[in-house]
C-alpha atoms as a PDB file:
ATOM      1  CA  UNK A   1     -16.508 -19.673   2.133  1.00  0.00           C
ATOM      2  CA  UNK A   2     -15.489 -16.304   0.644  1.00  0.00           C
ATOM      3  CA  UNK A   3     -14.577 -15.867  -3.018  1.00  0.00           C
ATOM      4  CA  UNK A   4     -10.966 -15.358  -2.007  1.00  0.00           C
ATOM      5  CA  UNK A   5     -10.911 -18.557  -0.042  1.00  0.00           C
ATOM      6  CA  UNK A   6     -12.524 -20.380  -2.930  1.00  0.00           C
ATOM      7  CA  UNK A   7      -9.839 -18.903  -5.230  1.00  0.00           C
ATOM      8  CA  UNK A   8     -12.628 -17.553  -7.453  1.00  0.00           C
ATOM      9  CA  UNK A   9     -11.765 -13.895  -7.007  1.00  0.00           C
ATOM     10  CA  UNK A  10      -9.794 -12.827 -10.007  1.00  0.00           C
ATOM     11  CA  UNK A  11      -7.824  -9.678 -10.581  1.00  0.00           C
ATOM     12  CA  UNK A  12      -9.364  -7.287 -13.041  1.00  0.00           C
ATOM     13  CA  UNK A  13      -6.335  -5.586 -14.524  1.00  0.00           C
ATOM     14  CA  UNK A  14      -6.611  -2.095 -15.906  1.00  0.00           C
ATOM     15  CA  UNK A  15      -3.832   0.074 -17.250  1.00  0.00           C
ATOM     16  CA  UNK A  16      -3.545   3.098 -15.011  1.00  0.00           C
ATOM     17  CA  UNK A  17      -2.020   6.013 -16.871  1.00  0.00           C
ATOM     18  CA  UNK A  18       0.191   8.165 -14.630  1.00  0.00           C
ATOM     19  CA  UNK A  19       0.088   5.763 -11.686  1.00  0.00           C
ATOM     20  CA  UNK A  20       1.817   8.259  -9.335  1.00  0.00           C
ATOM     21  CA  UNK A  21      -1.000  10.760  -9.922  1.00  0.00           C
ATOM     22  CA  UNK A  22      -3.520   8.000  -9.157  1.00  0.00           C
ATOM     23  CA  UNK A  23      -1.765   7.338  -5.820  1.00  0.00           C
ATOM     24  CA  UNK A  24      -1.700  11.092  -5.073  1.00  0.00           C
ATOM     25  CA  UNK A  25      -5.440  11.386  -5.797  1.00  0.00           C
ATOM     26  CA  UNK A  26      -6.269   8.477  -3.468  1.00  0.00           C
ATOM     27  CA  UNK A  27      -3.947   9.823  -0.776  1.00  0.00           C
ATOM     28  CA  UNK A  28      -5.473  13.308  -0.994  1.00  0.00           C
ATOM     29  CA  UNK A  29      -8.587  11.944   0.764  1.00  0.00           C
ATOM     30  CA  UNK A  30      -6.669  12.331   4.034  1.00  0.00           C
ATOM     31  CA  UNK A  31      -5.318  15.880   3.667  1.00  0.00           C
ATOM     32  CA  UNK A  32      -8.094  17.544   5.690  1.00  0.00           C
ATOM     33  CA  UNK A  33      -7.768  14.987   8.487  1.00  0.00           C
ATOM     34  CA  UNK A  34      -4.005  15.528   8.549  1.00  0.00           C
ATOM     35  CA  UNK A  35      -4.458  19.303   8.805  1.00  0.00           C
ATOM     36  CA  UNK A  36      -7.097  18.971  11.542  1.00  0.00           C
ATOM     37  CA  UNK A  37      -4.818  16.750  13.622  1.00  0.00           C
ATOM     38  CA  UNK A  38      -1.612  18.688  12.834  1.00  0.00           C
ATOM     39  CA  UNK A  39      -0.087  15.573  11.271  1.00  0.00           C
ATOM     40  CA  UNK A  40       2.761  16.168   8.854  1.00  0.00           C
ATOM     41  CA  UNK A  41       1.470  14.259   5.813  1.00  0.00           C
ATOM     42  CA  UNK A  42       3.704  13.708   2.808  1.00  0.00           C
ATOM     43  CA  UNK A  43       2.994  11.941  -0.456  1.00  0.00           C
ATOM     44  CA  UNK A  44       6.231  11.386  -2.346  1.00  0.00           C
ATOM     45  CA  UNK A  45       5.997  10.295  -5.970  1.00  0.00           C
ATOM     46  CA  UNK A  46       8.401  10.642  -8.812  1.00  0.00           C
ATOM     47  CA  UNK A  47       8.071  10.714 -12.582  1.00  0.00           C
ATOM     48  CA  UNK A  48       4.811   9.534 -14.169  1.00  0.00           C
ATOM     49  CA  UNK A  49       4.579   5.939 -15.377  1.00  0.00           C
ATOM     50  CA  UNK A  50       1.790   3.593 -16.371  1.00  0.00           C
ATOM     51  CA  UNK A  51       0.992   0.408 -14.450  1.00  0.00           C
ATOM     52  CA  UNK A  52      -1.440  -2.479 -14.782  1.00  0.00           C
ATOM     53  CA  UNK A  53      -3.326  -3.252 -11.606  1.00  0.00           C
ATOM     54  CA  UNK A  54      -6.669  -4.175 -10.163  1.00  0.00           C
ATOM     55  CA  UNK A  55      -7.873  -0.637  -9.430  1.00  0.00           C
ATOM     56  CA  UNK A  56     -10.525  -1.683  -6.906  1.00  0.00           C
ATOM     57  CA  UNK A  57      -8.077  -3.778  -4.879  1.00  0.00           C
ATOM     58  CA  UNK A  58      -5.371  -1.120  -5.054  1.00  0.00           C
ATOM     59  CA  UNK A  59      -7.787   1.511  -3.798  1.00  0.00           C
ATOM     60  CA  UNK A  60      -8.962  -0.687  -0.917  1.00  0.00           C
ATOM     61  CA  UNK A  61      -5.412  -1.550   0.120  1.00  0.00           C
ATOM     62  CA  UNK A  62      -4.036   2.003   0.014  1.00  0.00           C
ATOM     63  CA  UNK A  63      -7.054   3.510   1.759  1.00  0.00           C
ATOM     64  CA  UNK A  64      -6.920   0.770   4.408  1.00  0.00           C
ATOM     65  CA  UNK A  65      -3.205   1.354   5.026  1.00  0.00           C
ATOM     66  CA  UNK A  66      -3.787   5.100   5.292  1.00  0.00           C
ATOM     67  CA  UNK A  67      -6.836   4.668   7.526  1.00  0.00           C
ATOM     68  CA  UNK A  68      -4.756   2.557   9.892  1.00  0.00           C
ATOM     69  CA  UNK A  69      -1.861   5.013   9.756  1.00  0.00           C
ATOM     70  CA  UNK A  70      -4.164   7.885  10.724  1.00  0.00           C
ATOM     71  CA  UNK A  71      -5.948   5.783  13.325  1.00  0.00           C
ATOM     72  CA  UNK A  72      -2.739   4.994  15.200  1.00  0.00           C
ATOM     73  CA  UNK A  73      -0.663   8.134  14.571  1.00  0.00           C
ATOM     74  CA  UNK A  74      -0.871  10.639  17.413  1.00  0.00           C
ATOM     75  CA  UNK A  75      -1.766  14.283  16.823  1.00  0.00           C
ATOM     76  CA  UNK A  76       1.283  16.208  15.547  1.00  0.00           C
ATOM     77  CA  UNK A  77       2.689  12.920  14.220  1.00  0.00           C
ATOM     78  CA  UNK A  78       4.070  12.136  10.776  1.00  0.00           C
ATOM     79  CA  UNK A  79       2.799   9.971   7.896  1.00  0.00           C
ATOM     80  CA  UNK A  80       4.630   9.396   4.617  1.00  0.00           C
ATOM     81  CA  UNK A  81       3.329   7.687   1.491  1.00  0.00           C
ATOM     82  CA  UNK A  82       6.134   6.988  -0.976  1.00  0.00           C
ATOM     83  CA  UNK A  83       5.892   5.445  -4.419  1.00  0.00           C
ATOM     84  CA  UNK A  84       8.942   4.295  -6.362  1.00  0.00           C
ATOM     85  CA  UNK A  85       9.298   2.072  -9.384  1.00  0.00           C
ATOM     86  CA  UNK A  86      11.742   0.506 -11.773  1.00  0.00           C
ATOM     87  CA  UNK A  87      10.929   0.214 -15.452  1.00  0.00           C
ATOM     88  CA  UNK A  88      11.120  -3.229 -17.069  1.00  0.00           C
ATOM     89  CA  UNK A  89      14.639  -4.273 -18.002  1.00  0.00           C
ATOM     90  CA  UNK A  90      16.453  -7.349 -19.247  1.00  0.00           C
ATOM     91  CA  UNK A  91      17.088  -8.333 -15.635  1.00  0.00           C
ATOM     92  CA  UNK A  92      13.502  -7.623 -14.495  1.00  0.00           C
ATOM     93  CA  UNK A  93      11.292  -7.868 -17.586  1.00  0.00           C
ATOM     94  CA  UNK A  94       8.155  -6.843 -15.678  1.00  0.00           C
ATOM     95  CA  UNK A  95       9.681  -3.995 -13.645  1.00  0.00           C
ATOM     96  CA  UNK A  96       8.420  -3.301 -10.124  1.00  0.00           C
ATOM     97  CA  UNK A  97       6.524  -0.804  -8.012  1.00  0.00           C
ATOM     98  CA  UNK A  98       7.091  -0.089  -4.337  1.00  0.00           C
ATOM     99  CA  UNK A  99       4.449   1.640  -2.272  1.00  0.00           C
ATOM    100  CA  UNK A 100       5.355   2.493   1.321  1.00  0.00           C
ATOM    101  CA  UNK A 101       3.184   3.894   4.084  1.00  0.00           C
ATOM    102  CA  UNK A 102       5.202   4.907   7.139  1.00  0.00           C
ATOM    103  CA  UNK A 103       3.936   6.616  10.265  1.00  0.00           C
ATOM    104  CA  UNK A 104       4.995   7.667  13.745  1.00  0.00           C
ATOM    105  CA  UNK A 105       2.277   5.599  15.434  1.00  0.00           C
ATOM    106  CA  UNK A 106       2.950   2.615  17.700  1.00  0.00           C
ATOM    107  CA  UNK A 107       2.351  -0.008  14.959  1.00  0.00           C
ATOM    108  CA  UNK A 108       2.536  -3.727  15.610  1.00  0.00           C
ATOM    109  CA  UNK A 109       5.105  -6.038  17.182  1.00  0.00           C
ATOM    110  CA  UNK A 110       7.737  -7.873  15.164  1.00  0.00           C
ATOM    111  CA  UNK A 111       5.985 -11.188  15.842  1.00  0.00           C
ATOM    112  CA  UNK A 112       2.983 -10.001  13.784  1.00  0.00           C
ATOM    113  CA  UNK A 113       4.965  -8.777  10.795  1.00  0.00           C
ATOM    114  CA  UNK A 114       4.819 -12.115   8.971  1.00  0.00           C
ATOM    115  CA  UNK A 115       1.005 -12.232   9.260  1.00  0.00           C
ATOM    116  CA  UNK A 116       0.107  -8.566   8.787  1.00  0.00           C
ATOM    117  CA  UNK A 117      -1.349  -9.171   5.296  1.00  0.00           C
ATOM    118  CA  UNK A 118      -3.391 -12.200   6.301  1.00  0.00           C
ATOM    119  CA  UNK A 119      -7.074 -11.468   6.489  1.00  0.00           C
ATOM    120  CA  UNK A 120      -8.494 -10.375   9.831  1.00  0.00           C
ATOM    121  CA  UNK A 121      -5.103  -9.798  11.494  1.00  0.00           C
ATOM    122  CA  UNK A 122      -4.523  -6.792  13.728  1.00  0.00           C
ATOM    123  CA  UNK A 123      -1.724  -5.702  16.021  1.00  0.00           C
ATOM    124  CA  UNK A 124      -1.765  -3.276  18.916  1.00  0.00           C
ATOM    125  CA  UNK A 125       1.799  -2.837  20.144  1.00  0.00           C
ATOM    126  CA  UNK A 126       5.302  -2.100  18.875  1.00  0.00           C
ATOM    127  CA  UNK A 127       6.247  -0.308  15.664  1.00  0.00           C
ATOM    128  CA  UNK A 128       5.416  -1.466  12.143  1.00  0.00           C
ATOM    129  CA  UNK A 129       5.906   0.175   8.766  1.00  0.00           C
ATOM    130  CA  UNK A 130       4.383  -1.439   5.703  1.00  0.00           C
ATOM    131  CA  UNK A 131       6.026  -1.639   2.311  1.00  0.00           C
ATOM    132  CA  UNK A 132       4.417  -3.347  -0.643  1.00  0.00           C
ATOM    133  CA  UNK A 133       6.787  -4.307  -3.411  1.00  0.00           C
ATOM    134  CA  UNK A 134       5.386  -6.135  -6.404  1.00  0.00           C
ATOM    135  CA  UNK A 135       5.928  -6.745 -10.099  1.00  0.00           C
ATOM    136  CA  UNK A 136       4.092  -4.080 -12.047  1.00  0.00           C
ATOM    137  CA  UNK A 137       1.541  -6.550 -13.460  1.00  0.00           C
ATOM    138  CA  UNK A 138       0.593  -8.315 -10.205  1.00  0.00           C
ATOM    139  CA  UNK A 139      -2.320  -7.751  -7.863  1.00  0.00           C
ATOM    140  CA  UNK A 140      -1.623  -6.127  -4.539  1.00  0.00           C
ATOM    141  CA  UNK A 141      -2.679  -8.524  -1.802  1.00  0.00           C
ATOM    142  CA  UNK A 142      -1.309 -11.681  -0.260  1.00  0.00           C
ATOM    143  CA  UNK A 143      -4.528 -13.474  -1.272  1.00  0.00           C
ATOM    144  CA  UNK A 144      -3.409 -13.279  -4.863  1.00  0.00           C
ATOM    145  CA  UNK A 145      -0.143 -14.229  -6.639  1.00  0.00           C
ATOM    146  CA  UNK A 146       2.375 -15.645  -4.211  1.00  0.00           C
ATOM    147  CA  UNK A 147       5.241 -13.781  -5.910  1.00  0.00           C
ATOM    148  CA  UNK A 148       3.892 -10.556  -4.424  1.00  0.00           C
ATOM    149  CA  UNK A 149       6.313  -9.572  -1.666  1.00  0.00           C
ATOM    150  CA  UNK A 150       5.134  -7.800   1.452  1.00  0.00           C
ATOM    151  CA  UNK A 151       7.862  -6.435   3.666  1.00  0.00           C
ATOM    152  CA  UNK A 152       7.459  -4.830   7.039  1.00  0.00           C
END
């Protein structure tokens, strides 16, 4: 049984200063590939803010989403990474962060959208865009806190 299945894998939170810059740095790993394949590649971030997250898990998730986007996007296609957030408020004391990866590839069918973040799931037809929306202090996978929302 894996650590995740045994519920022994814990998040190791770290405060990431200038979280948008962190996302831009991770996303920059794909700039050469985008240029080689004539893919219009955009990384849209706004004002700097700090966030607490498990850096290792965040890196794995973002790089996996981008790897899949590039894998299934045709040459001369389009990929957009967009990061938005809302600071903590009285209504939402923890604030939230939304990270979207959208592409012009075929994606997956609607029937797979509810299982796309389950381990070992893969789709091969239809169109699917992934958006992660989570409280700023939560981990970033479905294997962790259940209040993490994944929308497709």
